[in-house]
Amino acid sequence: MPELDRKAAMQLQCPMPQLDFDIITLGHGSGGVLTHNLLNSGVFDILKNDYLDQHHDGAFLPVRSPVAFTTDSFVITPVFFPGGNIGELAVYGTVNDLAMCGATPRFLSLSFIIEEGLPMTEFWDILVSIKFACQQANVQVVTGDTKVVERGKGDRIFVNTTGIGEIHPKAHIAADNVRAGDKIIVSGQVATHGMAIMSVREGLVFETELESDTCNLYPAVEQLLEAFGADIHFLRDPTRGGVATVLNELAQDCGLGIDLVQNDIPLSEQVEGACEMLGLDPLYVANEGIFIAVVQADVAGQVLDVLRATGTGQNAAIIGAVTVSHPRQVILTSSIGGRRMLNMLTGEQLPRIC
């Protein structure tokens, strides 16, 4: 069954229960009866598992191997966007950060800061999306927190997630591993998520709706680690700041230069058109459904074949290489043959993208 059909089926299977109010009130964050009812009839019920069912202040986890640990906060506007919402974005964003460490995602904490007045129907839709994303990523929410702030002191809802994952036995992911000659691969088309958000804000209309590519990246990463192990030198998902900023960070950390070829960077016509209309460079636009891999040169072609056979990597491409010729700089060869430096993003290009 396609993912969208499974998500629709889950929404039908998880009807919203009869709750106290049609909207979130300050009482739902008081720690009293309303909080108890919201958690037991909503959060605990829809996300239930053996760990969460203990209703403890924390979780007791059976982790016995080296772990990766990450945390993130999500403050996106709008909360609901084409292709997803803040709930699944929070799950996939944290799962993907673990995947970039070479870790199998296992457990999440989940905290909400909700603005007074948020409709219960919207909160329920977010919870259902979180449940769906957790099932897709094979992770469990094991602890969390809920707070309510006064109307006007939030932005509908903020979500914080912390993740724990077990390091894959073949993973050794670090900027120190990067060597001159390594190839740089991007797993899919760039800037799709950021421009899907911006298209809603700016009222841009296309022949087909531009949707976020937010997804779980670990299955693709796991296949790469199983097949190539230590030949996968570095992984990173280019979220805020986009591809250009992530590669600048890498160049600084490893002390080497990076050459990119513009014509090799996968970019959909719709996204390219939206970027032109808004005057944005797609290499600085936030992403959520792709990752960058720096790999040993002699396996790059095979890595590409494996990625393109996965559900999220059909548009994967080799976009550049690591070099000693211009240390700590990222240089782009443009579509007309010119060369220009890509600097780190300065300022805030796209607010509240993730």
Protein backbone atom coordinates (compact mmCIF):
# COMPACT_ATOMS: atom_id res chain seq x y z
CA MET A 1 0.00 0.00 0.00
CA PRO A 2 1.46 3.44 -0.92
CA GLU A 3 2.56 5.62 2.01
CA LEU A 4 -0.19 8.21 1.46
CA ASP A 5 -2.85 5.46 1.47
CA ARG A 6 -1.45 4.03 4.73
CA LYS A 7 -1.51 7.48 6.29
CA ALA A 8 -5.12 8.04 5.22
CA ALA A 9 -6.08 4.61 6.59
CA MET A 10 -4.46 5.46 9.95
CA GLN A 11 -6.37 8.74 10.16
CA LEU A 12 -9.62 6.79 9.68
CA GLN A 13 -8.56 4.26 12.34
CA CYS A 14 -7.74 6.99 14.86
CA PRO A 15 -10.88 9.13 15.23
CA MET A 16 -10.56 11.98 17.71
CA PRO A 17 -12.09 11.06 21.10
CA GLN A 18 -14.61 13.21 22.94
CA LEU A 19 -12.43 15.73 24.79
CA ASP A 20 -13.20 18.55 27.21
CA PHE A 21 -12.99 21.54 24.89
CA ASP A 22 -12.81 22.31 21.19
CA ILE A 23 -9.56 24.22 21.74
CA ILE A 24 -6.47 23.97 23.92
CA THR A 25 -6.85 26.11 27.08
CA LEU A 26 -4.35 27.17 29.71
CA GLY A 27 -5.94 24.56 31.95
CA HIS A 28 -4.58 21.84 29.70
CA GLY A 29 -1.09 22.85 30.76
CA SER A 30 -1.83 23.23 34.47
CA GLY A 31 -0.87 19.72 35.49
CA GLY A 32 -4.37 19.12 36.84
CA VAL A 33 -7.49 17.34 35.62
CA LEU A 34 -7.50 18.86 32.12
CA THR A 35 -3.85 17.95 31.57
CA HIS A 36 -4.56 14.43 32.82
CA ASN A 37 -7.51 14.07 30.45
CA LEU A 38 -5.60 15.46 27.46
CA LEU A 39 -2.68 13.10 27.99
CA ASN A 40 -4.71 9.98 28.76
CA SER A 41 -7.37 10.47 26.09
CA GLY A 42 -4.95 11.84 23.53
CA VAL A 43 -1.18 11.51 23.73
CA PHE A 44 -0.87 8.33 25.81
CA ASP A 45 -3.70 6.58 24.03
CA ILE A 46 -2.57 7.20 20.46
CA LEU A 47 1.17 6.73 21.07
CA LYS A 48 0.89 3.90 23.60
CA ASN A 49 3.72 1.39 24.05
CA ASP A 50 5.23 -0.50 26.99
CA TYR A 51 7.63 2.34 27.85
CA LEU A 52 5.17 5.22 27.60
CA ASP A 53 2.48 3.24 29.44
CA GLN A 54 4.55 3.47 32.63
CA HIS A 55 3.61 7.18 32.87
CA HIS A 56 6.90 7.85 34.66
CA ASP A 57 8.96 11.05 34.69
CA GLY A 58 11.46 9.30 32.43
CA ALA A 59 11.96 6.04 30.55
CA PHE A 60 14.00 2.94 31.34
CA LEU A 61 15.58 1.82 28.07
CA PRO A 62 17.31 -1.48 27.17
CA VAL A 63 20.27 0.06 25.31
CA ARG A 64 23.48 -1.98 25.50
CA SER A 65 25.55 -0.81 22.53
CA PRO A 66 27.18 2.56 21.68
CA VAL A 67 24.47 5.12 20.99
CA ALA A 68 23.93 8.38 19.12
CA PHE A 69 21.94 11.07 20.91
CA THR A 70 20.35 14.13 19.29
CA THR A 71 17.76 16.78 20.02
CA ASP A 72 15.88 19.28 17.88
CA SER A 73 13.06 21.81 18.09
CA PHE A 74 10.52 22.47 15.35
CA VAL A 75 8.88 25.87 14.91
CA ILE A 76 7.61 25.74 11.34
CA THR A 77 5.09 28.14 9.82
CA PRO A 78 2.64 27.03 8.54
CA VAL A 79 2.14 24.09 10.90
CA PHE A 80 0.32 22.17 8.13
CA PHE A 81 1.94 22.29 4.71
CA PRO A 82 1.68 20.38 1.41
CA GLY A 83 3.08 16.90 2.05
CA GLY A 84 3.05 16.96 5.85
CA ASN A 85 2.83 18.83 9.13
CA ILE A 86 4.95 19.70 12.14
CA GLY A 87 4.29 16.32 13.78
CA GLU A 88 5.82 14.02 11.21
CA LEU A 89 8.47 16.65 10.45
CA ALA A 90 9.61 16.45 14.09
CA VAL A 91 9.83 12.66 14.02
CA TYR A 92 11.57 12.39 10.65
CA GLY A 93 13.89 15.31 11.41
CA THR A 94 15.18 13.65 14.57
CA VAL A 95 15.31 10.17 13.05
CA ASN A 96 17.32 11.58 10.15
CA ASP A 97 19.81 13.28 12.47
CA LEU A 98 20.42 9.89 14.07
CA ALA A 99 20.79 8.30 10.64
CA MET A 100 23.45 10.86 9.72
CA CYS A 101 25.43 9.57 12.72
CA GLY A 102 25.21 6.06 11.30
CA ALA A 103 22.72 5.06 14.01
CA THR A 104 19.59 2.93 13.92
CA PRO A 105 16.81 5.09 15.44
CA ARG A 106 15.21 3.46 18.50
CA PHE A 107 13.62 5.90 20.95
CA LEU A 108 12.24 9.45 21.01
CA SER A 109 11.18 11.93 23.64
CA LEU A 110 8.38 14.26 22.58
CA SER A 111 7.56 17.66 24.08
CA PHE A 112 4.87 20.12 23.06
CA ILE A 113 4.64 23.85 23.73
CA ILE A 114 1.09 24.68 22.65
CA GLU A 115 -0.42 28.12 22.28
CA GLU A 116 -3.76 28.63 23.98
CA GLY A 117 -6.51 28.44 21.38
CA LEU A 118 -5.10 25.70 19.15
CA PRO A 119 -8.07 23.67 17.87
CA MET A 120 -8.22 20.15 19.31
CA THR A 121 -8.81 18.81 15.80
CA GLU A 122 -5.45 20.19 14.70
CA PHE A 123 -3.67 18.79 17.75
CA TRP A 124 -5.21 15.40 17.03
CA ASP A 125 -4.13 15.50 13.38
CA ILE A 126 -0.58 16.24 14.55
CA LEU A 127 -0.69 13.31 16.99
CA VAL A 128 -1.90 10.94 14.27
CA SER A 129 0.90 12.10 11.97
CA ILE A 130 3.44 11.51 14.76
CA LYS A 131 2.09 8.00 15.26
CA PHE A 132 2.30 7.32 11.52
CA ALA A 133 5.85 8.66 11.23
CA CYS A 134 6.97 6.62 14.25
CA GLN A 135 5.61 3.46 12.65
CA GLN A 136 7.33 4.28 9.37
CA ALA A 137 10.64 4.89 11.16
CA ASN A 138 10.24 2.00 13.63
CA VAL A 139 10.80 4.22 16.66
CA GLN A 140 8.90 4.60 19.91
CA VAL A 141 8.02 7.72 21.88
CA VAL A 142 9.01 6.78 25.43
CA THR A 143 8.74 10.04 27.40
CA GLY A 144 7.80 13.68 26.94
CA ASP A 145 6.20 16.84 28.25
CA THR A 146 3.32 19.19 27.44
CA LYS A 147 3.11 22.90 28.23
CA VAL A 148 0.53 25.53 27.26
CA VAL A 149 1.40 29.23 26.85
CA GLU A 150 -0.95 32.20 26.70
CA ARG A 151 -2.50 33.27 23.42
CA GLY A 152 -0.07 35.42 21.46
CA LYS A 153 3.01 34.06 23.25
CA GLY A 154 3.63 31.15 20.91
CA ASP A 155 3.05 30.26 17.27
CA ARG A 156 0.26 27.68 17.57
CA ILE A 157 2.55 24.78 18.49
CA PHE A 158 6.26 24.07 18.94
CA VAL A 159 7.60 20.52 19.12
CA ASN A 160 10.85 19.31 20.68
CA THR A 161 12.11 15.80 20.06
CA THR A 162 15.17 14.02 21.40
CA GLY A 163 16.32 10.77 19.82
CA ILE A 164 18.48 7.81 20.78
CA GLY A 165 19.83 5.37 18.22
CA GLU A 166 22.25 2.45 18.27
CA ILE A 167 25.37 2.93 16.16
CA HIS A 168 25.50 0.58 13.16
CA PRO A 169 28.48 -1.78 13.54
CA LYS A 170 29.85 -0.78 10.12
CA ALA A 171 29.45 2.97 10.63
CA HIS A 172 32.31 5.38 11.14
CA ILE A 173 30.96 8.77 10.17
CA ALA A 174 33.15 11.83 10.80
CA ALA A 175 34.52 14.87 8.99
CA ASP A 176 38.02 13.63 9.85
CA ASN A 177 37.47 10.71 7.46
CA VAL A 178 37.08 12.95 4.42
CA ARG A 179 39.98 12.76 1.94
CA ALA A 180 40.93 14.58 -1.26
CA GLY A 181 39.34 12.81 -4.21
CA ASP A 182 36.23 11.74 -2.31
CA LYS A 183 32.99 12.14 -4.23
CA ILE A 184 30.03 14.15 -2.96
CA ILE A 185 26.60 12.63 -3.51
CA VAL A 186 23.19 14.15 -2.84
CA SER A 187 20.38 11.64 -2.36
CA GLY A 188 17.64 13.60 -4.16
CA GLN A 189 16.39 16.88 -5.58
CA VAL A 190 17.43 19.90 -3.54
CA ALA A 191 15.25 22.67 -2.03
CA THR A 192 11.93 20.81 -2.38
CA HIS A 193 10.87 21.12 1.27
CA GLY A 194 11.79 24.77 1.65
CA MET A 195 10.05 25.82 -1.51
CA ALA A 196 6.93 23.80 -0.69
CA ILE A 197 6.66 25.89 2.49
CA MET A 198 7.38 29.13 0.68
CA SER A 199 4.87 28.38 -2.07
CA VAL A 200 2.12 28.28 0.57
CA ARG A 201 3.28 31.52 2.20
CA GLU A 202 3.62 33.40 -1.07
CA GLY A 203 0.52 31.95 -2.76
CA LEU A 204 2.46 30.50 -5.69
CA VAL A 205 0.40 28.27 -7.98
CA PHE A 206 1.85 25.47 -10.14
CA GLU A 207 0.35 22.96 -12.56
CA THR A 208 0.86 20.30 -9.89
CA GLU A 209 1.11 21.07 -6.17
CA LEU A 210 4.64 21.41 -4.83
CA GLU A 211 4.90 19.08 -1.81
CA SER A 212 7.48 18.65 0.93
CA ASP A 213 9.69 15.56 0.55
CA THR A 214 9.92 15.04 4.33
CA CYS A 215 10.62 11.36 4.95
CA ASN A 216 12.59 8.77 6.91
CA LEU A 217 16.11 8.56 5.44
CA TYR A 218 17.43 5.71 7.59
CA PRO A 219 16.49 2.81 5.28
CA ALA A 220 18.66 4.27 2.51
CA VAL A 221 21.51 4.99 4.94
CA GLU A 222 21.32 1.49 6.35
CA GLN A 223 21.68 -0.02 2.88
CA LEU A 224 24.75 2.13 2.22
CA LEU A 225 26.36 1.15 5.51
CA GLU A 226 25.65 -2.55 4.95
CA ALA A 227 27.10 -2.45 1.46
CA PHE A 228 30.04 -0.05 1.85
CA GLY A 229 30.76 0.37 5.57
CA ALA A 230 33.76 2.63 6.22
CA ASP A 231 33.81 3.80 2.57
CA ILE A 232 30.93 6.08 3.60
CA HIS A 233 33.07 8.81 5.14
CA PHE A 234 30.54 11.47 6.03
CA LEU A 235 26.76 12.00 6.11
CA ARG A 236 24.70 15.12 6.75
CA ASP A 237 21.14 16.24 6.00
CA PRO A 238 21.22 19.80 4.61
CA THR A 239 18.35 21.32 6.59
CA ARG A 240 18.67 24.98 7.63
CA GLY A 241 21.16 26.78 5.41
CA GLY A 242 20.84 24.19 2.63
CA VAL A 243 23.47 22.31 0.67
CA ALA A 244 25.87 25.25 0.38
CA THR A 245 26.01 25.88 4.13
CA VAL A 246 26.50 22.20 5.04
CA LEU A 247 29.35 21.86 2.56
CA ASN A 248 30.97 25.03 3.88
CA GLU A 249 30.83 23.58 7.39
CA LEU A 250 32.40 20.37 6.10
CA ALA A 251 35.18 22.23 4.27
CA GLN A 252 36.01 24.12 7.45
CA ASP A 253 35.98 20.98 9.60
CA CYS A 254 38.12 18.81 7.31
CA GLY A 255 40.43 21.59 6.09
CA LEU A 256 39.94 20.68 2.42
CA GLY A 257 38.18 22.30 -0.53
CA ILE A 258 35.02 21.25 -2.33
CA ASP A 259 34.26 21.53 -6.05
CA LEU A 260 30.61 21.44 -7.13
CA VAL A 261 29.14 21.25 -10.64
CA GLN A 262 25.85 23.13 -10.99
CA ASN A 263 24.58 21.05 -13.92
CA ASP A 264 24.93 17.87 -11.85
CA ILE A 265 22.79 19.09 -8.94
CA PRO A 266 19.28 17.56 -9.15
CA LEU A 267 16.58 20.24 -9.07
CA SER A 268 12.97 19.99 -10.20
CA GLU A 269 11.63 22.50 -12.72
CA GLN A 270 8.93 23.63 -10.29
CA VAL A 271 11.41 24.29 -7.50
CA GLU A 272 13.78 26.07 -9.87
CA GLY A 273 10.93 28.26 -11.10
CA ALA A 274 9.78 29.06 -7.58
CA CYS A 275 13.30 30.01 -6.56
CA GLU A 276 13.62 32.33 -9.56
CA MET A 277 10.29 34.01 -8.77
CA LEU A 278 11.32 34.64 -5.16
CA GLY A 279 14.95 35.48 -5.89
CA LEU A 280 16.32 32.56 -3.86
CA ASP A 281 19.35 30.37 -4.48
CA PRO A 282 18.22 26.72 -4.18
CA LEU A 283 21.60 25.75 -2.71
CA TYR A 284 20.74 27.79 0.40
CA VAL A 285 17.14 26.60 0.75
CA ALA A 286 16.33 24.18 3.59
CA ASN A 287 15.80 20.48 2.91
CA GLU A 288 14.18 17.69 4.91
CA GLY A 289 14.02 14.65 2.60
CA ILE A 290 17.58 14.38 1.30
CA PHE A 291 21.09 13.85 2.62
CA ILE A 292 24.66 14.44 1.48
CA ALA A 293 27.14 11.56 1.46
CA VAL A 294 30.89 11.92 1.03
CA VAL A 295 32.24 8.58 -0.15
CA GLN A 296 35.40 6.88 -1.32
CA ALA A 297 35.85 7.73 -5.01
CA ASP A 298 36.17 4.16 -6.25
CA VAL A 299 32.77 3.13 -4.84
CA ALA A 300 30.85 6.31 -5.78
CA GLY A 301 29.19 4.76 -8.82
CA GLN A 302 28.06 1.75 -6.81
CA VAL A 303 26.76 3.98 -4.02
CA LEU A 304 24.71 5.86 -6.59
CA ASP A 305 23.24 2.61 -7.93
CA VAL A 306 22.22 1.50 -4.42
CA LEU A 307 20.69 4.87 -3.61
CA ARG A 308 18.70 5.05 -6.83
CA ALA A 309 17.17 1.66 -6.05
CA THR A 310 15.78 2.91 -2.71
CA GLY A 311 12.44 4.59 -2.17
CA THR A 312 13.97 7.98 -1.41
CA GLY A 313 17.02 8.08 -3.67
CA GLN A 314 15.72 7.82 -7.23
CA ASN A 315 17.13 11.25 -8.09
CA ALA A 316 20.49 10.79 -6.36
CA ALA A 317 23.49 12.28 -8.15
CA ILE A 318 27.23 12.84 -7.81
CA ILE A 319 27.50 16.63 -7.55
CA GLY A 320 31.16 17.24 -6.83
CA ALA A 321 34.42 16.17 -5.22
CA VAL A 322 36.79 17.01 -2.38
CA THR A 323 40.01 18.76 -3.39
CA VAL A 324 43.24 20.18 -1.94
CA SER A 325 43.34 23.07 -4.43
CA HIS A 326 41.34 25.64 -2.41
CA PRO A 327 41.30 24.65 1.27
CA ARG A 328 38.18 25.46 3.31
CA GLN A 329 36.35 26.89 0.31
CA VAL A 330 33.39 25.63 -1.74
CA ILE A 331 33.62 26.51 -5.45
CA LEU A 332 30.73 26.05 -7.87
CA THR A 333 31.21 25.59 -11.62
CA SER A 334 28.11 27.23 -13.06
CA SER A 335 25.96 26.00 -15.92
CA ILE A 336 27.77 28.40 -18.29
CA GLY A 337 31.24 27.36 -17.16
CA GLY A 338 32.08 30.17 -14.75
CA ARG A 339 33.35 29.52 -11.25
CA ARG A 340 32.20 31.24 -8.08
CA MET A 341 32.65 30.79 -4.37
CA LEU A 342 29.71 29.58 -2.30
CA ASN A 343 29.91 31.23 1.10
CA MET A 344 28.19 30.28 4.32
CA LEU A 345 24.61 31.53 4.54
CA THR A 346 24.47 34.91 6.27
CA GLY A 347 21.30 36.17 7.90
CA GLU A 348 17.97 34.40 7.78
CA GLN A 349 16.89 33.49 4.27
CA LEU A 350 13.83 31.39 5.05
CA PRO A 351 12.24 31.76 8.51
CA ARG A 352 10.52 28.84 10.23
CA ILE A 353 11.25 26.13 7.68
CA CYS A 354 11.89 23.37 10.23
